[in-house]
Amino acid sequence: MNSDFKLINGLNLYKLNNSINTKGHIHEQLEICQVIEGSQKIKIKDNEYILNTGDTAIIFPEYLHSYSTCDLSLIHISEPTRL
């Protein structure tokens, strides 16, 4: 996974330069995924979505979610720092 990472005002910011594939997982904190360019498939609980340029998904804490390849994309994923 080709990515840039920044820590800004208590947020972990990841800028990914391609689609990502992950197994189902959960976080203790909120996660925000914004597609800057291209598209990304995301599954939250039992619902599957295709995010396109400009779309944003908010994944609440303890929600099972996964990502799978849809198209080459540029996305931001933000989450509060883990304490």
Protein backbone atom coordinates (compact mmCIF):
# COMPACT_ATOMS: atom_id res chain seq x y z
CA MET A 1 0.00 0.00 0.00
CA ASN A 2 1.53 3.32 -1.09
CA SER A 3 0.55 5.97 1.47
CA ASP A 4 1.47 9.22 3.17
CA PHE A 5 0.80 9.72 6.88
CA LYS A 6 0.30 12.90 8.90
CA LEU A 7 -0.72 13.60 12.48
CA ILE A 8 -2.76 16.83 12.63
CA ASN A 9 -4.70 18.06 15.67
CA GLY A 10 -5.07 14.57 17.13
CA LEU A 11 -6.09 12.93 13.84
CA ASN A 12 -4.21 10.23 11.99
CA LEU A 13 -4.48 11.17 8.29
CA TYR A 14 -3.59 8.64 5.62
CA LYS A 15 -3.43 9.53 1.94
CA LEU A 16 -3.49 6.32 -0.08
CA ASN A 17 -2.44 6.32 -3.71
CA ASN A 18 -4.35 3.21 -4.72
CA SER A 19 -7.38 1.15 -3.78
CA ILE A 20 -7.05 -0.87 -0.61
CA ASN A 21 -8.10 -4.37 0.34
CA THR A 22 -8.66 -5.28 3.98
CA LYS A 23 -10.36 -8.07 5.83
CA GLY A 24 -13.26 -7.20 8.11
CA HIS A 25 -12.06 -5.30 11.16
CA ILE A 26 -13.20 -2.83 13.82
CA HIS A 27 -11.71 0.22 15.54
CA GLU A 28 -12.35 1.80 18.91
CA GLN A 29 -12.56 5.18 17.20
CA LEU A 30 -14.45 6.81 14.33
CA GLU A 31 -13.00 6.38 10.83
CA ILE A 32 -13.66 8.66 7.85
CA CYS A 33 -12.86 7.60 4.28
CA GLN A 34 -13.01 10.20 1.49
CA VAL A 35 -12.38 9.33 -2.15
CA ILE A 36 -10.36 12.12 -3.77
CA GLU A 37 -10.11 10.45 -7.17
CA GLY A 38 -11.37 7.14 -8.60
CA SER A 39 -13.55 4.72 -6.64
CA GLN A 40 -13.36 2.35 -3.67
CA LYS A 41 -15.64 -0.47 -2.51
CA ILE A 42 -16.42 -0.53 1.23
CA LYS A 43 -18.56 -2.89 3.31
CA ILE A 44 -19.97 -1.63 6.62
CA LYS A 45 -21.73 -4.29 8.68
CA ASP A 46 -23.88 -6.08 6.06
CA ASN A 47 -24.10 -3.19 3.57
CA GLU A 48 -21.77 -2.77 0.60
CA TYR A 49 -21.13 0.60 -1.05
CA ILE A 50 -19.08 1.90 -3.95
CA LEU A 51 -17.58 5.29 -3.18
CA ASN A 52 -16.74 7.51 -6.14
CA THR A 53 -14.81 10.76 -6.46
CA GLY A 54 -16.04 13.18 -3.79
CA ASP A 55 -17.88 10.56 -1.72
CA THR A 56 -17.23 10.17 2.01
CA ALA A 57 -17.99 7.26 4.35
CA ILE A 58 -18.13 7.58 8.13
CA ILE A 59 -17.55 4.35 10.03
CA PHE A 60 -18.63 4.50 13.64
CA PRO A 61 -16.62 2.86 16.44
CA GLU A 62 -17.03 -0.91 16.78
CA TYR A 63 -18.66 -1.23 13.31
CA LEU A 64 -17.28 -4.17 11.34
CA HIS A 65 -16.01 -2.89 7.98
CA SER A 66 -13.72 -3.86 5.11
CA TYR A 67 -12.36 -2.37 1.90
CA SER A 68 -11.97 -4.08 -1.47
CA THR A 69 -10.57 -2.99 -4.80
CA CYS A 70 -12.93 -1.31 -7.20
CA ASP A 71 -10.73 1.00 -9.29
CA LEU A 72 -7.45 2.82 -8.91
CA SER A 73 -8.11 5.65 -6.49
CA LEU A 74 -6.70 8.35 -4.26
CA ILE A 75 -8.35 8.36 -0.84
CA HIS A 76 -7.95 9.92 2.60
CA ILE A 77 -8.64 7.91 5.73
CA SER A 78 -8.86 9.86 9.00
CA GLU A 79 -9.17 8.57 12.54
CA PRO A 80 -8.50 10.08 15.98
CA THR A 81 -5.21 9.08 17.54
CA ARG A 82 -5.34 6.07 19.80
CA LEU A 83 -4.70 6.92 23.42
